[in-house]
Amino acid sequence: ARGRDAEVTGFTGGARAVEEAQRMFQELLKTQDAKGPFGNRAIVLKSSQLNIGYCGLSGLPHTAEKLIELSYGLNREYWGQGYGTEAAAALLNHALHELELPEIVSAIHPDNTASIRVAEKLGLTFRRKMEWPGQGQVNLYAIRKPA
């Protein structure tokens, strides 16, 4: 029932029916290798090998600019334990230093204070507000590769 938790999915398009979530997951698995470093990756708890969330890089839709977005999400029972920050930090470091991407952004709903806190811990700063179809205004946070 994790995929149907309205609080967990509230800022990512809402809860989905089990069949739709399974279809999306199968599509993700089929395209994973073709996307190279892009797409969502599972956050797996080492102690239990349990998938507790996701973290990924993707092209940011809905903008004229070619922006790469860092996104992350956790099942509710793992909120506030640092797992999202740890996974996002590792992926951000990979994106900036190994992939040598010049800039990474995160589009975050202004009410999603937990995700804003994670972004700020990672060094992303508020850039501007932008319109997101179906969700209204979101805040765009960004970090540039150090010179």
Protein backbone atom coordinates (compact mmCIF):
# COMPACT_ATOMS: atom_id res chain seq x y z
CA ALA A 1 0.00 0.00 0.00
CA ARG A 2 3.06 2.28 0.08
CA GLY A 3 2.46 3.46 -3.52
CA ARG A 4 -1.07 4.46 -2.58
CA ASP A 5 -0.09 6.55 0.47
CA ALA A 6 -1.46 10.03 -0.33
CA GLU A 7 0.99 11.71 2.05
CA VAL A 8 3.99 10.02 0.42
CA THR A 9 2.84 10.70 -3.16
CA GLY A 10 1.19 14.07 -2.52
CA PHE A 11 3.96 16.08 -4.17
CA THR A 12 4.71 13.61 -7.01
CA GLY A 13 1.44 13.38 -8.87
CA GLY A 14 -0.68 11.61 -6.28
CA ALA A 15 -1.47 8.02 -5.44
CA ARG A 16 -1.84 5.53 -8.28
CA ALA A 17 -3.75 2.31 -8.68
CA VAL A 18 -1.67 -0.81 -8.08
CA GLU A 19 -1.90 -1.81 -11.76
CA GLU A 20 -0.62 1.60 -12.92
CA ALA A 21 2.23 1.56 -10.38
CA GLN A 22 3.24 -1.94 -11.53
CA ARG A 23 3.12 -0.84 -15.19
CA MET A 24 5.30 2.21 -14.41
CA PHE A 25 7.78 0.05 -12.50
CA GLN A 26 8.03 -2.48 -15.38
CA GLU A 27 8.59 0.39 -17.84
CA LEU A 28 11.34 1.75 -15.59
CA LEU A 29 13.07 -1.65 -15.50
CA LYS A 30 12.92 -2.01 -19.30
CA THR A 31 14.47 1.40 -19.96
CA GLN A 32 16.98 1.51 -17.07
CA ASP A 33 20.10 0.54 -19.04
CA ALA A 34 19.17 2.69 -22.04
CA LYS A 35 18.97 5.79 -19.83
CA GLY A 36 22.57 5.48 -18.64
CA PRO A 37 22.98 7.62 -15.53
CA PHE A 38 19.44 8.97 -15.81
CA GLY A 39 16.23 7.62 -14.34
CA ASN A 40 15.26 6.68 -10.82
CA ARG A 41 17.25 4.23 -8.72
CA ALA A 42 16.02 2.32 -5.70
CA ILE A 43 17.15 3.36 -2.23
CA VAL A 44 17.77 0.03 -0.52
CA LEU A 45 18.23 -0.34 3.22
CA LYS A 46 21.46 -2.32 3.67
CA SER A 47 20.36 -4.10 6.85
CA SER A 48 17.23 -5.65 5.32
CA GLN A 49 17.69 -5.19 1.54
CA LEU A 50 14.27 -3.48 1.60
CA ASN A 51 13.48 -0.89 -1.10
CA ILE A 52 12.55 2.20 0.91
CA GLY A 53 12.37 4.83 -1.82
CA TYR A 54 13.97 6.26 -4.95
CA CYS A 55 16.51 8.83 -6.07
CA GLY A 56 17.26 9.84 -9.63
CA LEU A 57 18.38 12.25 -12.31
CA SER A 58 16.22 13.22 -15.26
CA GLY A 59 15.61 15.99 -17.73
CA LEU A 60 13.31 18.57 -16.16
CA PRO A 61 10.16 18.79 -18.27
CA HIS A 62 8.05 21.93 -18.61
CA THR A 63 11.04 24.27 -19.17
CA ALA A 64 12.62 25.73 -22.27
CA GLU A 65 16.05 25.25 -20.66
CA LYS A 66 17.78 21.88 -20.73
CA LEU A 67 17.92 21.29 -16.99
CA ILE A 68 18.83 18.09 -15.14
CA GLU A 69 16.73 17.43 -12.06
CA LEU A 70 17.66 15.52 -8.93
CA SER A 71 14.57 13.92 -7.39
CA TYR A 72 14.09 11.73 -4.34
CA GLY A 73 11.35 10.20 -2.25
CA LEU A 74 11.03 7.79 0.65
CA ASN A 75 8.31 5.62 2.13
CA ARG A 76 6.86 7.47 5.11
CA GLU A 77 8.22 5.13 7.81
CA TYR A 78 11.78 6.11 6.77
CA TRP A 79 11.29 9.88 6.82
CA GLY A 80 13.54 11.93 9.09
CA GLN A 81 16.32 9.34 9.37
CA GLY A 82 18.74 10.83 6.84
CA TYR A 83 18.30 8.18 4.14
CA GLY A 84 16.97 10.59 1.51
CA THR A 85 19.75 13.09 2.18
CA GLU A 86 22.41 10.36 2.03
CA ALA A 87 21.15 8.96 -1.28
CA ALA A 88 20.63 12.39 -2.86
CA ALA A 89 24.09 13.56 -1.72
CA ALA A 90 25.76 10.54 -3.33
CA LEU A 91 23.89 11.02 -6.60
CA LEU A 92 24.52 14.79 -6.62
CA ASN A 93 28.24 14.21 -6.08
CA HIS A 94 28.24 11.68 -8.94
CA ALA A 95 26.38 14.11 -11.22
CA LEU A 96 28.63 17.10 -10.56
CA HIS A 97 32.03 15.43 -10.24
CA GLU A 98 31.94 12.21 -12.25
CA LEU A 99 29.38 13.04 -14.94
CA GLU A 100 30.64 16.65 -14.85
CA LEU A 101 27.18 18.12 -15.29
CA PRO A 102 27.44 21.90 -14.87
CA GLU A 103 24.26 22.34 -12.84
CA ILE A 104 21.63 20.27 -11.06
CA VAL A 105 18.16 21.48 -10.10
CA SER A 106 15.25 20.25 -8.01
CA ALA A 107 11.66 21.37 -8.55
CA ILE A 108 9.97 21.27 -5.16
CA HIS A 109 6.42 22.14 -4.14
CA PRO A 110 6.61 25.08 -1.70
CA ASP A 111 4.68 23.10 0.95
CA ASN A 112 7.13 20.18 0.81
CA THR A 113 9.33 21.45 3.64
CA ALA A 114 11.12 18.12 4.11
CA SER A 115 12.35 18.06 0.49
CA ILE A 116 13.33 21.73 0.72
CA ARG A 117 15.38 20.92 3.84
CA VAL A 118 17.14 18.07 2.00
CA ALA A 119 17.91 20.32 -0.99
CA GLU A 120 19.32 23.04 1.25
CA LYS A 121 21.46 20.52 3.19
CA LEU A 122 22.92 19.48 -0.18
CA GLY A 123 23.79 23.08 -1.06
CA LEU A 124 20.99 23.79 -3.52
CA THR A 125 19.60 27.30 -3.24
CA PHE A 126 16.31 28.85 -4.34
CA ARG A 127 16.51 30.04 -7.95
CA ARG A 128 12.93 30.97 -8.91
CA LYS A 129 9.30 29.96 -8.95
CA MET A 130 7.97 28.08 -11.97
CA GLU A 131 4.63 26.72 -13.10
CA TRP A 132 4.23 22.93 -13.04
CA PRO A 133 1.28 21.54 -15.01
CA GLY A 134 -1.27 19.97 -12.70
CA GLN A 135 0.47 21.09 -9.50
CA GLY A 136 0.61 24.88 -9.75
CA GLN A 137 3.74 26.74 -8.73
CA VAL A 138 6.86 24.95 -7.58
CA ASN A 139 10.17 26.33 -6.37
CA LEU A 140 13.26 25.63 -8.42
CA TYR A 141 16.40 25.02 -6.36
CA ALA A 142 19.81 24.73 -8.05
CA ILE A 143 23.51 24.08 -7.50
CA ARG A 144 26.33 24.68 -9.95
CA LYS A 145 29.47 22.58 -10.25
CA PRO A 146 32.27 24.21 -8.25
CA ALA A 147 34.88 25.93 -10.43
